[in-house]
Amino acid sequence: MINRALKIIRQFHGFTQIELARKLDLSKSYLSEIEAGKKNISFELLEKYSIIFDIPVSSLVFFSEHLDETSTVPERFRIVVADKLIRLMEWVMTRNEYTKAKNNNKK
Protein backbone atom coordinates (compact mmCIF):
# COMPACT_ATOMS: atom_id res chain seq x y z
CA MET A 1 0.00 0.00 0.00
CA ILE A 2 2.89 2.38 0.48
CA ASN A 3 3.23 2.62 -3.29
CA ARG A 4 -0.30 4.09 -3.55
CA ALA A 5 0.36 6.48 -0.66
CA LEU A 6 3.60 7.73 -2.21
CA LYS A 7 1.91 8.32 -5.55
CA ILE A 8 -0.93 10.25 -3.92
CA ILE A 9 1.51 12.34 -1.89
CA ARG A 10 3.41 13.20 -5.08
CA GLN A 11 0.22 14.11 -6.93
CA PHE A 12 -1.15 16.10 -4.00
CA HIS A 13 1.95 18.26 -4.01
CA GLY A 14 1.69 18.81 -7.75
CA PHE A 15 4.83 16.96 -8.81
CA THR A 16 5.09 14.99 -12.02
CA GLN A 17 6.99 11.73 -11.90
CA ILE A 18 9.82 13.38 -13.82
CA GLU A 19 10.08 16.28 -11.35
CA LEU A 20 10.06 14.04 -8.30
CA ALA A 21 12.45 11.53 -9.86
CA ARG A 22 14.95 14.36 -10.33
CA LYS A 23 14.58 15.47 -6.71
CA LEU A 24 14.99 11.88 -5.53
CA ASP A 25 17.92 11.30 -7.92
CA LEU A 26 16.09 8.40 -9.60
CA SER A 27 15.04 7.62 -13.13
CA LYS A 28 11.42 8.28 -13.97
CA SER A 29 10.96 4.62 -14.85
CA TYR A 30 12.26 3.50 -11.44
CA LEU A 31 9.88 5.91 -9.67
CA SER A 32 7.06 4.62 -11.85
CA GLU A 33 7.88 1.06 -10.80
CA ILE A 34 7.87 2.06 -7.12
CA GLU A 35 4.48 3.73 -7.49
CA ALA A 36 3.14 0.68 -9.33
CA GLY A 37 4.31 -1.58 -6.51
CA LYS A 38 6.82 -3.38 -8.73
CA LYS A 39 9.87 -2.18 -6.78
CA ASN A 40 10.38 -1.99 -3.04
CA ILE A 41 11.29 1.34 -1.52
CA SER A 42 14.39 1.64 0.66
CA PHE A 43 14.50 3.43 3.99
CA GLU A 44 16.92 5.96 2.46
CA LEU A 45 14.37 6.76 -0.22
CA LEU A 46 11.63 7.12 2.40
CA GLU A 47 13.87 9.62 4.19
CA LYS A 48 14.17 11.63 0.97
CA TYR A 49 10.36 11.63 0.60
CA SER A 50 10.14 12.74 4.22
CA ILE A 51 12.40 15.72 3.57
CA ILE A 52 10.85 16.73 0.25
CA PHE A 53 7.25 16.57 1.45
CA ASP A 54 7.86 17.45 5.12
CA ILE A 55 6.16 14.26 6.30
CA PRO A 56 7.66 12.14 9.09
CA VAL A 57 9.06 8.81 7.93
CA SER A 58 6.88 7.17 10.57
CA SER A 59 3.77 8.48 8.81
CA LEU A 60 5.00 7.12 5.50
CA VAL A 61 5.85 3.77 7.03
CA PHE A 62 2.39 3.53 8.62
CA PHE A 63 0.96 2.58 5.23
CA SER A 64 3.35 -0.28 4.68
CA GLU A 65 3.82 -1.64 8.17
CA HIS A 66 3.01 -5.27 8.74
CA LEU A 67 2.04 -6.10 12.25
CA ASP A 68 4.06 -8.69 14.04
CA GLU A 69 2.53 -11.37 16.20
CA THR A 70 2.97 -9.36 19.40
CA SER A 71 0.85 -6.45 18.22
CA THR A 72 -2.34 -5.70 20.09
CA VAL A 73 -4.07 -4.34 16.99
CA PRO A 74 -5.27 -7.04 14.61
CA GLU A 75 -3.54 -6.92 11.23
CA ARG A 76 -6.84 -7.00 9.34
CA PHE A 77 -8.04 -3.92 11.22
CA ARG A 78 -4.75 -2.14 10.52
CA ILE A 79 -5.02 -2.92 6.80
CA VAL A 80 -8.62 -1.69 6.66
CA VAL A 81 -7.70 1.56 8.42
CA ALA A 82 -4.70 2.13 6.15
CA ASP A 83 -6.87 1.48 3.09
CA LYS A 84 -9.48 3.97 4.34
CA LEU A 85 -6.79 6.61 4.87
CA ILE A 86 -5.43 6.06 1.38
CA ARG A 87 -8.94 6.32 -0.07
CA LEU A 88 -9.41 9.58 1.84
CA MET A 89 -6.15 10.90 0.41
CA GLU A 90 -7.26 9.85 -3.09
CA TRP A 91 -10.58 11.66 -2.58
CA VAL A 92 -8.80 14.83 -1.42
CA MET A 93 -6.51 14.62 -4.46
CA THR A 94 -9.46 14.23 -6.83
CA ARG A 95 -11.28 17.09 -5.11
CA ASN A 96 -8.24 19.36 -5.47
CA GLU A 97 -7.93 18.54 -9.18
CA TYR A 98 -11.65 19.26 -9.68
CA THR A 99 -11.38 22.59 -7.83
CA LYS A 100 -8.30 23.62 -9.84
CA ALA A 101 -10.01 22.74 -13.13
CA LYS A 102 -13.13 24.63 -12.10
CA ASN A 103 -11.10 27.70 -11.13
CA ASN A 104 -9.14 27.58 -14.40
CA ASN A 105 -12.38 27.51 -16.39
CA LYS A 106 -13.57 30.69 -14.63
CA LYS A 107 -10.52 32.63 -15.84
PDB file of N, CA and C in Angstrom:
ATOM      1  N   MET A   1       0.799  -1.206   0.000  1.00  0.00           N
ATOM      2  CA  MET A   1       0.000   0.000   0.000  1.00  0.00           C
ATOM      3  C   MET A   1       0.839   1.267   0.000  1.00  0.00           C
ATOM      4  N   ILE A   2       2.087   1.163   0.440  1.00  0.00           N
ATOM      5  CA  ILE A   2       2.892   2.380   0.483  1.00  0.00           C
ATOM      6  C   ILE A   2       3.069   2.963  -0.913  1.00  0.00           C
ATOM      7  N   ASN A   3       3.079   2.110  -1.928  1.00  0.00           N
ATOM      8  CA  ASN A   3       3.231   2.622  -3.292  1.00  0.00           C
ATOM      9  C   ASN A   3       2.083   3.568  -3.643  1.00  0.00           C
ATOM     10  N   ARG A   4       0.856   3.218  -3.276  1.00  0.00           N
ATOM     11  CA  ARG A   4      -0.296   4.093  -3.547  1.00  0.00           C
ATOM     12  C   ARG A   4      -0.184   5.392  -2.762  1.00  0.00           C
ATOM     13  N   ALA A   5       0.219   5.289  -1.500  1.00  0.00           N
ATOM     14  CA  ALA A   5       0.357   6.478  -0.664  1.00  0.00           C
ATOM     15  C   ALA A   5       1.408   7.430  -1.232  1.00  0.00           C
ATOM     16  N   LEU A   6       2.538   6.885  -1.663  1.00  0.00           N
ATOM     17  CA  LEU A   6       3.601   7.729  -2.212  1.00  0.00           C
ATOM     18  C   LEU A   6       3.162   8.419  -3.496  1.00  0.00           C
ATOM     19  N   LYS A   7       2.415   7.719  -4.318  1.00  0.00           N
ATOM     20  CA  LYS A   7       1.905   8.317  -5.555  1.00  0.00           C
ATOM     21  C   LYS A   7       0.939   9.454  -5.241  1.00  0.00           C
ATOM     22  N   ILE A   8       0.048   9.227  -4.287  1.00  0.00           N
ATOM     23  CA  ILE A   8      -0.929  10.254  -3.924  1.00  0.00           C
ATOM     24  C   ILE A   8      -0.233  11.468  -3.325  1.00  0.00           C
ATOM     25  N   ILE A   9       0.760  11.232  -2.484  1.00  0.00           N
ATOM     26  CA  ILE A   9       1.509  12.343  -1.893  1.00  0.00           C
ATOM     27  C   ILE A   9       2.172  13.166  -2.991  1.00  0.00           C
ATOM     28  N   ARG A  10       2.774  12.488  -3.959  1.00  0.00           N
ATOM     29  CA  ARG A  10       3.410  13.198  -5.084  1.00  0.00           C
ATOM     30  C   ARG A  10       2.383  14.028  -5.838  1.00  0.00           C
ATOM     31  N   GLN A  11       1.253  13.416  -6.180  1.00  0.00           N
ATOM     32  CA  GLN A  11       0.218  14.114  -6.935  1.00  0.00           C
ATOM     33  C   GLN A  11      -0.358  15.278  -6.138  1.00  0.00           C
ATOM     34  N   PHE A  12      -0.589  15.057  -4.853  1.00  0.00           N
ATOM     35  CA  PHE A  12      -1.152  16.095  -4.000  1.00  0.00           C
ATOM     36  C   PHE A  12      -0.277  17.336  -3.986  1.00  0.00           C
ATOM     37  N   HIS A  13       1.021  17.134  -4.022  1.00  0.00           N
ATOM     38  CA  HIS A  13       1.954  18.260  -4.007  1.00  0.00           C
ATOM     39  C   HIS A  13       2.247  18.809  -5.404  1.00  0.00           C
ATOM     40  N   GLY A  14       1.591  18.261  -6.406  1.00  0.00           N
ATOM     41  CA  GLY A  14       1.694  18.809  -7.755  1.00  0.00           C
ATOM     42  C   GLY A  14       2.958  18.451  -8.512  1.00  0.00           C
ATOM     43  N   PHE A  15       3.627  17.397  -8.116  1.00  0.00           N
ATOM     44  CA  PHE A  15       4.833  16.965  -8.809  1.00  0.00           C
ATOM     45  C   PHE A  15       4.489  15.955  -9.898  1.00  0.00           C
ATOM     46  N   THR A  16       5.150  16.064 -11.027  1.00  0.00           N
ATOM     47  CA  THR A  16       5.086  14.994 -12.022  1.00  0.00           C
ATOM     48  C   THR A  16       6.091  13.931 -11.595  1.00  0.00           C
ATOM     49  N   GLN A  17       6.003  12.768 -12.213  1.00  0.00           N
ATOM     50  CA  GLN A  17       6.990  11.729 -11.903  1.00  0.00           C
ATOM     51  C   GLN A  17       8.393  12.193 -12.279  1.00  0.00           C
ATOM     52  N   ILE A  18       8.504  12.896 -13.375  1.00  0.00           N
ATOM     53  CA  ILE A  18       9.818  13.381 -13.820  1.00  0.00           C
ATOM     54  C   ILE A  18      10.406  14.349 -12.800  1.00  0.00           C
ATOM     55  N   GLU A  19       9.593  15.296 -12.325  1.00  0.00           N
ATOM     56  CA  GLU A  19      10.077  16.277 -11.350  1.00  0.00           C
ATOM     57  C   GLU A  19      10.532  15.605 -10.056  1.00  0.00           C
ATOM     58  N   LEU A  20       9.704  14.702  -9.553  1.00  0.00           N
ATOM     59  CA  LEU A  20      10.060  14.042  -8.299  1.00  0.00           C
ATOM     60  C   LEU A  20      11.254  13.113  -8.481  1.00  0.00           C
ATOM     61  N   ALA A  21      11.309  12.423  -9.598  1.00  0.00           N
ATOM     62  CA  ALA A  21      12.447  11.533  -9.857  1.00  0.00           C
ATOM     63  C   ALA A  21      13.751  12.325  -9.815  1.00  0.00           C
ATOM     64  N   ARG A  22      13.746  13.518 -10.368  1.00  0.00           N
ATOM     65  CA  ARG A  22      14.951  14.363 -10.334  1.00  0.00           C
ATOM     66  C   ARG A  22      15.323  14.714  -8.898  1.00  0.00           C
ATOM     67  N   LYS A  23      14.318  15.108  -8.103  1.00  0.00           N
ATOM     68  CA  LYS A  23      14.583  15.467  -6.710  1.00  0.00           C
ATOM     69  C   LYS A  23      15.090  14.275  -5.902  1.00  0.00           C
ATOM     70  N   LEU A  24      14.593  13.093  -6.242  1.00  0.00           N
ATOM     71  CA  LEU A  24      14.995  11.880  -5.529  1.00  0.00           C
ATOM     72  C   LEU A  24      16.262  11.260  -6.106  1.00  0.00           C
ATOM     73  N   ASP A  25      16.740  11.823  -7.204  1.00  0.00           N
ATOM     74  CA  ASP A  25      17.915  11.303  -7.915  1.00  0.00           C
ATOM     75  C   ASP A  25      17.669   9.871  -8.400  1.00  0.00           C
ATOM     76  N   LEU A  26      16.499   9.688  -9.032  1.00  0.00           N
ATOM     77  CA  LEU A  26      16.095   8.401  -9.603  1.00  0.00           C
ATOM     78  C   LEU A  26      15.713   8.603 -11.057  1.00  0.00           C
ATOM     79  N   SER A  27      15.611   7.521 -11.782  1.00  0.00           N
ATOM     80  CA  SER A  27      15.043   7.618 -13.128  1.00  0.00           C
ATOM     81  C   SER A  27      13.527   7.654 -12.989  1.00  0.00           C
ATOM     82  N   LYS A  28      12.877   8.235 -13.968  1.00  0.00           N
ATOM     83  CA  LYS A  28      11.417   8.285 -13.968  1.00  0.00           C
ATOM     84  C   LYS A  28      10.838   6.877 -13.996  1.00  0.00           C
ATOM     85  N   SER A  29      11.468   5.989 -14.740  1.00  0.00           N
ATOM     86  CA  SER A  29      10.959   4.618 -14.845  1.00  0.00           C
ATOM     87  C   SER A  29      11.058   3.888 -13.506  1.00  0.00           C
ATOM     88  N   TYR A  30      12.118   4.144 -12.747  1.00  0.00           N
ATOM     89  CA  TYR A  30      12.256   3.501 -11.439  1.00  0.00           C
ATOM     90  C   TYR A  30      11.182   4.017 -10.485  1.00  0.00           C
ATOM     91  N   LEU A  31      10.940   5.330 -10.499  1.00  0.00           N
ATOM     92  CA  LEU A  31       9.882   5.905  -9.670  1.00  0.00           C
ATOM     93  C   LEU A  31       8.528   5.338 -10.068  1.00  0.00           C
ATOM     94  N   SER A  32       8.310   5.200 -11.352  1.00  0.00           N
ATOM     95  CA  SER A  32       7.063   4.619 -11.847  1.00  0.00           C
ATOM     96  C   SER A  32       6.873   3.198 -11.319  1.00  0.00           C
ATOM     97  N   GLU A  33       7.952   2.437 -11.305  1.00  0.00           N
ATOM     98  CA  GLU A  33       7.876   1.059 -10.797  1.00  0.00           C
ATOM     99  C   GLU A  33       7.606   1.030  -9.293  1.00  0.00           C
ATOM    100  N   ILE A  34       8.158   1.972  -8.559  1.00  0.00           N
ATOM    101  CA  ILE A  34       7.872   2.064  -7.120  1.00  0.00           C
ATOM    102  C   ILE A  34       6.391   2.357  -6.912  1.00  0.00           C
ATOM    103  N   GLU A  35       5.878   3.352  -7.644  1.00  0.00           N
ATOM    104  CA  GLU A  35       4.476   3.733  -7.491  1.00  0.00           C
ATOM    105  C   GLU A  35       3.524   2.637  -7.950  1.00  0.00           C
ATOM    106  N   ALA A  36       3.967   1.796  -8.857  1.00  0.00           N
ATOM    107  CA  ALA A  36       3.140   0.679  -9.330  1.00  0.00           C
ATOM    108  C   ALA A  36       3.257  -0.541  -8.418  1.00  0.00           C
ATOM    109  N   GLY A  37       4.131  -0.459  -7.425  1.00  0.00           N
ATOM    110  CA  GLY A  37       4.310  -1.577  -6.507  1.00  0.00           C
ATOM    111  C   GLY A  37       5.207  -2.676  -7.043  1.00  0.00           C
ATOM    112  N   LYS A  38       5.929  -2.380  -8.123  1.00  0.00           N
ATOM    113  CA  LYS A  38       6.818  -3.382  -8.726  1.00  0.00           C
ATOM    114  C   LYS A  38       8.205  -3.385  -8.095  1.00  0.00           C
ATOM    115  N   LYS A  39       8.574  -2.289  -7.459  1.00  0.00           N
ATOM    116  CA  LYS A  39       9.870  -2.177  -6.777  1.00  0.00           C
ATOM    117  C   LYS A  39       9.615  -1.817  -5.322  1.00  0.00           C
ATOM    118  N   ASN A  40      10.456  -2.341  -4.453  1.00  0.00           N
ATOM    119  CA  ASN A  40      10.383  -1.986  -3.041  1.00  0.00           C
ATOM    120  C   ASN A  40      11.113  -0.674  -2.815  1.00  0.00           C
ATOM    121  N   ILE A  41      10.655   0.068  -1.827  1.00  0.00           N
ATOM    122  CA  ILE A  41      11.294   1.342  -1.515  1.00  0.00           C
ATOM    123  C   ILE A  41      12.236   1.150  -0.327  1.00  0.00           C
ATOM    124  N   SER A  42      13.401   1.750  -0.418  1.00  0.00           N
ATOM    125  CA  SER A  42      14.388   1.640   0.659  1.00  0.00           C
ATOM    126  C   SER A  42      14.093   2.682   1.735  1.00  0.00           C
ATOM    127  N   PHE A  43      14.662   2.460   2.912  1.00  0.00           N
ATOM    128  CA  PHE A  43      14.503   3.430   3.990  1.00  0.00           C
ATOM    129  C   PHE A  43      15.126   4.765   3.598  1.00  0.00           C
ATOM    130  N   GLU A  44      16.258   4.721   2.907  1.00  0.00           N
ATOM    131  CA  GLU A  44      16.917   5.956   2.464  1.00  0.00           C
ATOM    132  C   GLU A  44      16.001   6.771   1.554  1.00  0.00           C
ATOM    133  N   LEU A  45      15.288   6.077   0.679  1.00  0.00           N
ATOM    134  CA  LEU A  45      14.369   6.764  -0.221  1.00  0.00           C
ATOM    135  C   LEU A  45      13.178   7.330   0.552  1.00  0.00           C
ATOM    136  N   LEU A  46      12.700   6.598   1.549  1.00  0.00           N
ATOM    137  CA  LEU A  46      11.625   7.123   2.402  1.00  0.00           C
ATOM    138  C   LEU A  46      12.083   8.394   3.120  1.00  0.00           C
ATOM    139  N   GLU A  47      13.338   8.416   3.547  1.00  0.00           N
ATOM    140  CA  GLU A  47      13.871   9.618   4.191  1.00  0.00           C
ATOM    141  C   GLU A  47      13.872  10.801   3.228  1.00  0.00           C
ATOM    142  N   LYS A  48      14.201  10.558   1.964  1.00  0.00           N
ATOM    143  CA  LYS A  48      14.172  11.630   0.965  1.00  0.00           C
ATOM    144  C   LYS A  48      12.750  12.144   0.769  1.00  0.00           C
ATOM    145  N   TYR A  49      11.775  11.223   0.685  1.00  0.00           N
ATOM    146  CA  TYR A  49      10.364  11.629   0.599  1.00  0.00           C
ATOM    147  C   TYR A  49      10.002  12.484   1.806  1.00  0.00           C
ATOM    148  N   SER A  50      10.429  12.045   2.977  1.00  0.00           N
ATOM    149  CA  SER A  50      10.142  12.742   4.217  1.00  0.00           C
ATOM    150  C   SER A  50      10.629  14.191   4.171  1.00  0.00           C
ATOM    151  N   ILE A  51      11.815  14.378   3.668  1.00  0.00           N
ATOM    152  CA  ILE A  51      12.396  15.719   3.575  1.00  0.00           C
ATOM    153  C   ILE A  51      11.676  16.551   2.516  1.00  0.00           C
ATOM    154  N   ILE A  52      11.476  15.996   1.348  1.00  0.00           N
ATOM    155  CA  ILE A  52      10.852  16.734   0.247  1.00  0.00           C
ATOM    156  C   ILE A  52       9.436  17.176   0.595  1.00  0.00           C
ATOM    157  N   PHE A  53       8.660  16.276   1.199  1.00  0.00           N
ATOM    158  CA  PHE A  53       7.251  16.569   1.453  1.00  0.00           C
ATOM    159  C   PHE A  53       6.962  16.965   2.899  1.00  0.00           C
ATOM    160  N   ASP A  54       8.003  17.065   3.719  1.00  0.00           N
ATOM    161  CA  ASP A  54       7.863  17.449   5.120  1.00  0.00           C
ATOM    162  C   ASP A  54       6.843  16.565   5.845  1.00  0.00           C
ATOM    163  N   ILE A  55       7.015  15.264   5.667  1.00  0.00           N
ATOM    164  CA  ILE A  55       6.163  14.258   6.300  1.00  0.00           C
ATOM    165  C   ILE A  55       7.084  13.314   7.067  1.00  0.00           C
ATOM    166  N   PRO A  56       6.797  13.057   8.340  1.00  0.00           N
ATOM    167  CA  PRO A  56       7.661  12.138   9.089  1.00  0.00           C
ATOM    168  C   PRO A  56       7.727  10.756   8.432  1.00  0.00           C
ATOM    169  N   VAL A  57       8.897  10.152   8.479  1.00  0.00           N
ATOM    170  CA  VAL A  57       9.064   8.806   7.929  1.00  0.00           C
ATOM    171  C   VAL A  57       8.065   7.857   8.580  1.00  0.00           C
ATOM    172  N   SER A  58       7.821   8.053   9.867  1.00  0.00           N
ATOM    173  CA  SER A  58       6.881   7.169  10.571  1.00  0.00           C
ATOM    174  C   SER A  58       5.491   7.218   9.949  1.00  0.00           C
ATOM    175  N   SER A  59       5.080   8.378   9.467  1.00  0.00           N
ATOM    176  CA  SER A  59       3.775   8.485   8.806  1.00  0.00           C
ATOM    177  C   SER A  59       3.782   7.758   7.469  1.00  0.00           C
ATOM    178  N   LEU A  60       4.888   7.846   6.762  1.00  0.00           N
ATOM    179  CA  LEU A  60       4.997   7.125   5.495  1.00  0.00           C
ATOM    180  C   LEU A  60       5.002   5.616   5.725  1.00  0.00           C
ATOM    181  N   VAL A  61       5.723   5.196   6.743  1.00  0.00           N
ATOM    182  CA  VAL A  61       5.846   3.770   7.034  1.00  0.00           C
ATOM    183  C   VAL A  61       4.520   3.183   7.501  1.00  0.00           C
ATOM    184  N   PHE A  62       3.688   4.004   8.119  1.00  0.00           N
ATOM    185  CA  PHE A  62       2.387   3.531   8.615  1.00  0.00           C
ATOM    186  C   PHE A  62       1.631   2.759   7.546  1.00  0.00           C
ATOM    187  N   PHE A  63       1.708   3.200   6.310  1.00  0.00           N
ATOM    188  CA  PHE A  63       0.955   2.578   5.228  1.00  0.00           C
ATOM    189  C   PHE A  63       1.524   1.229   4.796  1.00  0.00           C
ATOM    190  N   SER A  64       2.750   0.970   5.147  1.00  0.00           N
ATOM    191  CA  SER A  64       3.353  -0.278   4.680  1.00  0.00           C
ATOM    192  C   SER A  64       3.688  -1.251   5.799  1.00  0.00           C
ATOM    193  N   GLU A  65       3.468  -0.804   7.027  1.00  0.00           N
ATOM    194  CA  GLU A  65       3.825  -1.641   8.166  1.00  0.00           C
ATOM    195  C   GLU A  65       3.022  -2.928   8.196  1.00  0.00           C
ATOM    196  N   HIS A  66       3.699  -4.004   8.498  1.00  0.00           N
ATOM    197  CA  HIS A  66       3.013  -5.274   8.742  1.00  0.00           C
ATOM    198  C   HIS A  66       3.132  -5.542  10.230  1.00  0.00           C
ATOM    199  N   LEU A  67       2.018  -5.853  10.819  1.00  0.00           N
ATOM    200  CA  LEU A  67       2.037  -6.096  12.255  1.00  0.00           C
ATOM    201  C   LEU A  67       2.706  -7.427  12.573  1.00  0.00           C
ATOM    202  N   ASP A  68       3.483  -7.415  13.614  1.00  0.00           N
ATOM    203  CA  ASP A  68       4.060  -8.687  14.037  1.00  0.00           C
ATOM    204  C   ASP A  68       3.094  -9.386  14.991  1.00  0.00           C
ATOM    205  N   GLU A  69       3.429 -10.557  15.386  1.00  0.00           N
ATOM    206  CA  GLU A  69       2.526 -11.374  16.195  1.00  0.00           C
ATOM    207  C   GLU A  69       2.283 -10.795  17.577  1.00  0.00           C
ATOM    208  N   THR A  70       3.133  -9.912  18.057  1.00  0.00           N
ATOM    209  CA  THR A  70       2.972  -9.355  19.397  1.00  0.00           C
ATOM    210  C   THR A  70       2.095  -8.120  19.419  1.00  0.00           C
ATOM    211  N   SER A  71       1.661  -7.657  18.282  1.00  0.00           N
ATOM    212  CA  SER A  71       0.852  -6.447  18.218  1.00  0.00           C
ATOM    213  C   SER A  71      -0.516  -6.668  18.852  1.00  0.00           C
ATOM    214  N   THR A  72      -1.019  -5.613  19.477  1.00  0.00           N
ATOM    215  CA  THR A  72      -2.343  -5.701  20.089  1.00  0.00           C
ATOM    216  C   THR A  72      -3.443  -5.317  19.114  1.00  0.00           C
ATOM    217  N   VAL A  73      -3.082  -4.716  18.002  1.00  0.00           N
ATOM    218  CA  VAL A  73      -4.066  -4.336  16.989  1.00  0.00           C
ATOM    219  C   VAL A  73      -4.066  -5.407  15.899  1.00  0.00           C
ATOM    220  N   PRO A  74      -5.225  -6.002  15.645  1.00  0.00           N
ATOM    221  CA  PRO A  74      -5.268  -7.044  14.606  1.00  0.00           C
ATOM    222  C   PRO A  74      -4.818  -6.513  13.246  1.00  0.00           C
ATOM    223  N   GLU A  75      -4.074  -7.339  12.526  1.00  0.00           N
ATOM    224  CA  GLU A  75      -3.542  -6.924  11.226  1.00  0.00           C
ATOM    225  C   GLU A  75      -4.659  -6.541  10.269  1.00  0.00           C
ATOM    226  N   ARG A  76      -5.729  -7.296  10.260  1.00  0.00           N
ATOM    227  CA  ARG A  76      -6.835  -7.001   9.343  1.00  0.00           C
ATOM    228  C   ARG A  76      -7.397  -5.602   9.605  1.00  0.00           C
ATOM    229  N   PHE A  77      -7.552  -5.248  10.868  1.00  0.00           N
ATOM    230  CA  PHE A  77      -8.040  -3.916  11.217  1.00  0.00           C
ATOM    231  C   PHE A  77      -7.070  -2.854  10.722  1.00  0.00           C
ATOM    232  N   ARG A  78      -5.778  -3.088  10.936  1.00  0.00           N
ATOM    233  CA  ARG A  78      -4.754  -2.136  10.519  1.00  0.00           C
ATOM    234  C   ARG A  78      -4.787  -1.930   9.005  1.00  0.00           C
ATOM    235  N   ILE A  79      -4.956  -3.004   8.260  1.00  0.00           N
ATOM    236  CA  ILE A  79      -5.019  -2.921   6.801  1.00  0.00           C
ATOM    237  C   ILE A  79      -6.249  -2.144   6.359  1.00  0.00           C
ATOM    238  N   VAL A  80      -7.381  -2.400   7.006  1.00  0.00           N
ATOM    239  CA  VAL A  80      -8.621  -1.688   6.662  1.00  0.00           C
ATOM    240  C   VAL A  80      -8.462  -0.196   6.932  1.00  0.00           C
ATOM    241  N   VAL A  81      -7.896   0.152   8.079  1.00  0.00           N
ATOM    242  CA  VAL A  81      -7.700   1.562   8.420  1.00  0.00           C
ATOM    243  C   VAL A  81      -6.748   2.222   7.429  1.00  0.00           C
ATOM    244  N   ALA A  82      -5.651   1.566   7.114  1.00  0.00           N
ATOM    245  CA  ALA A  82      -4.697   2.126   6.150  1.00  0.00           C
ATOM    246  C   ALA A  82      -5.361   2.326   4.797  1.00  0.00           C
ATOM    247  N   ASP A  83      -6.172   1.361   4.367  1.00  0.00           N
ATOM    248  CA  ASP A  83      -6.871   1.482   3.089  1.00  0.00           C
ATOM    249  C   ASP A  83      -7.836   2.659   3.111  1.00  0.00           C
ATOM    250  N   LYS A  84      -8.543   2.845   4.215  1.00  0.00           N
ATOM    251  CA  LYS A  84      -9.482   3.974   4.336  1.00  0.00           C
ATOM    252  C   LYS A  84      -8.729   5.299   4.263  1.00  0.00           C
ATOM    253  N   LEU A  85      -7.576   5.377   4.916  1.00  0.00           N
ATOM    254  CA  LEU A  85      -6.786   6.608   4.867  1.00  0.00           C
ATOM    255  C   LEU A  85      -6.293   6.898   3.454  1.00  0.00           C
ATOM    256  N   ILE A  86      -5.875   5.869   2.765  1.00  0.00           N
ATOM    257  CA  ILE A  86      -5.427   6.056   1.384  1.00  0.00           C
ATOM    258  C   ILE A  86      -6.590   6.503   0.511  1.00  0.00           C
ATOM    259  N   ARG A  87      -7.760   5.902   0.704  1.00  0.00           N
ATOM    260  CA  ARG A  87      -8.938   6.320  -0.070  1.00  0.00           C
ATOM    261  C   ARG A  87      -9.293   7.776   0.223  1.00  0.00           C
ATOM    262  N   LEU A  88      -9.152   8.189   1.477  1.00  0.00           N
ATOM    263  CA  LEU A  88      -9.409   9.578   1.836  1.00  0.00           C
ATOM    264  C   LEU A  88      -8.419  10.495   1.130  1.00  0.00           C
ATOM    265  N   MET A  89      -7.154  10.108   1.111  1.00  0.00           N
ATOM    266  CA  MET A  89      -6.148  10.901   0.411  1.00  0.00           C
ATOM    267  C   MET A  89      -6.454  10.974  -1.084  1.00  0.00           C
ATOM    268  N   GLU A  90      -6.895   9.864  -1.670  1.00  0.00           N
ATOM    269  CA  GLU A  90      -7.262   9.853  -3.089  1.00  0.00           C
ATOM    270  C   GLU A  90      -8.439  10.784  -3.343  1.00  0.00           C
ATOM    271  N   TRP A  91      -9.414  10.789  -2.435  1.00  0.00           N
ATOM    272  CA  TRP A  91     -10.579  11.664  -2.578  1.00  0.00           C
ATOM    273  C   TRP A  91     -10.154  13.131  -2.507  1.00  0.00           C
ATOM    274  N   VAL A  92      -9.282  13.457  -1.554  1.00  0.00           N
ATOM    275  CA  VAL A  92      -8.795  14.830  -1.421  1.00  0.00           C
ATOM    276  C   VAL A  92      -8.057  15.240  -2.687  1.00  0.00           C
ATOM    277  N   MET A  93      -7.246  14.342  -3.220  1.00  0.00           N
ATOM    278  CA  MET A  93      -6.511  14.622  -4.459  1.00  0.00           C
ATOM    279  C   MET A  93      -7.468  14.891  -5.606  1.00  0.00           C
ATOM    280  N   THR A  94      -8.473  14.054  -5.768  1.00  0.00           N
ATOM    281  CA  THR A  94      -9.463  14.229  -6.830  1.00  0.00           C
ATOM    282  C   THR A  94     -10.206  15.546  -6.647  1.00  0.00           C
ATOM    283  N   ARG A  95     -10.558  15.848  -5.421  1.00  0.00           N
ATOM    284  CA  ARG A  95     -11.279  17.089  -5.110  1.00  0.00           C
ATOM    285  C   ARG A  95     -10.423  18.306  -5.466  1.00  0.00           C
ATOM    286  N   ASN A  96      -9.141  18.248  -5.138  1.00  0.00           N
ATOM    287  CA  ASN A  96      -8.243  19.360  -5.468  1.00  0.00           C
ATOM    288  C   ASN A  96      -8.128  19.550  -6.974  1.00  0.00           C
ATOM    289  N   GLU A  97      -8.015  18.446  -7.716  1.00  0.00           N
ATOM    290  CA  GLU A  97      -7.930  18.539  -9.175  1.00  0.00           C
ATOM    291  C   GLU A  97      -9.211  19.136  -9.749  1.00  0.00           C
ATOM    292  N   TYR A  98     -10.358  18.739  -9.219  1.00  0.00           N
ATOM    293  CA  TYR A  98     -11.645  19.265  -9.676  1.00  0.00           C
ATOM    294  C   TYR A  98     -11.728  20.764  -9.402  1.00  0.00           C
ATOM    295  N   THR A  99     -11.326  21.173  -8.201  1.00  0.00           N
ATOM    296  CA  THR A  99     -11.377  22.587  -7.832  1.00  0.00           C
ATOM    297  C   THR A  99     -10.449  23.415  -8.709  1.00  0.00           C
ATOM    298  N   LYS A 100      -9.246  22.907  -8.972  1.00  0.00           N
ATOM    299  CA  LYS A 100      -8.302  23.621  -9.840  1.00  0.00           C
ATOM    300  C   LYS A 100      -8.865  23.770 -11.245  1.00  0.00           C
ATOM    301  N   ALA A 101      -9.434  22.699 -11.778  1.00  0.00           N
ATOM    302  CA  ALA A 101     -10.010  22.744 -13.126  1.00  0.00           C
ATOM    303  C   ALA A 101     -11.169  23.724 -13.179  1.00  0.00           C
ATOM    304  N   LYS A 102     -11.978  23.724 -12.164  1.00  0.00           N
ATOM    305  CA  LYS A 102     -13.132  24.625 -12.098  1.00  0.00           C
ATOM    306  C   LYS A 102     -12.663  26.079 -12.047  1.00  0.00           C
ATOM    307  N   ASN A 103     -11.644  26.347 -11.237  1.00  0.00           N
ATOM    308  CA  ASN A 103     -11.104  27.701 -11.129  1.00  0.00           C
ATOM    309  C   ASN A 103     -10.437  28.146 -12.425  1.00  0.00           C
ATOM    310  N   ASN A 104      -9.774  27.246 -13.125  1.00  0.00           N
ATOM    311  CA  ASN A 104      -9.138  27.583 -14.402  1.00  0.00           C
ATOM    312  C   ASN A 104     -10.174  27.905 -15.467  1.00  0.00           C
ATOM    313  N   ASN A 105     -11.314  27.247 -15.418  1.00  0.00           N
ATOM    314  CA  ASN A 105     -12.381  27.506 -16.386  1.00  0.00           C
ATOM    315  C   ASN A 105     -13.042  28.853 -16.158  1.00  0.00           C
ATOM    316  N   LYS A 106     -12.979  29.386 -14.941  1.00  0.00           N
ATOM    317  CA  LYS A 106     -13.569  30.686 -14.628  1.00  0.00           C
ATOM    318  C   LYS A 106     -12.732  31.831 -15.173  1.00  0.00           C
ATOM    319  N   LYS A 107     -11.446  31.562 -15.402  1.00  0.00           N
ATOM    320  CA  LYS A 107     -10.524  32.629 -15.844  1.00  0.00           C
ATOM    321  C   LYS A 107     -10.709  32.971 -17.262  1.00  0.00           C
TER     322      LYS A 107
END
